[in-house]
Amino acid sequence: MIGFKDFFSFQKNKFFWINIIGMVVVVIAASWGTLAWLDSYTRHGEAHIVPDVKNKSIEEAAKIISQGTMKYAVIDSNYVKGVPAGMVLEQAPAAGSRVKEGRTVYLTITTTSVPLVTLPDIIDNSSVRQAAAKLKSIGFKLTEPELVPGEQDWVYGIKYRGKELKSGDKVPNEALLTLCVGDTHLRDSLAVDSTYMEINSIPDAENDVKVDDSWF
């Protein structure tokens, strides 16, 4: 049976203390190395201010961002009437944000390509008031309506630059459209003219063709 003194006798062994000291040194070194790596990886204490490049050309924005040890990437483009192509509309992160070195600033710029909008299903399916409200809500503009024979204020067609359109056609954003709207007066006047022509096309009995008896 091991006695109390025998149990602690290993403390007199120098190899025991060497191992203990070695373990402590390894733990301290590992901890210090891990903290140093994390500090280097996260660039602790270092931050760069994101510059404001909105409303600048993409060339100018790229130069400014590169000077701040950051990168940039164009992720989207939008059409803005009257604004030349290549102007910065939005940026992320926002100007004034504190970021790490090498961070990418994402940009949205303008384009000259006018987006196409799908024409809604309003032909022969709505009144002129309903059609006008729906078209204006998605950015279209309207001329004075073109009156056609039909039910009063009913939309029978849509034209763009003189061309007849149909539901589902794609038209440039903010295009100037013309609604073909029904007018009962035109319809009734055409009906009267048609009836008048039919009546006048019937030959009068008094004006029957006379046969020349000299041929017999």
Foldseek 3Di string as FASTA:
>chain_A
DQDPCNVPVCVVPVVVVVVVVVVVVVVVVVVVVVVVVVCVVQVPPDWFFAAAQAQHFQVVNQVVQVVRQEAEDEDEEEADPPDAWRGWHDKPPHGGDIDDHHYYIYTYIYDNDFDWDFAAQQAQNDFQVVNQVVQVVQAEAEDEAAEDADDARGFHFKDFPRDTDHGGDIDGGHGYMHTYGHDNVNNVVVVVVVVVVVVVVDDDPVPDDDDDPVVD
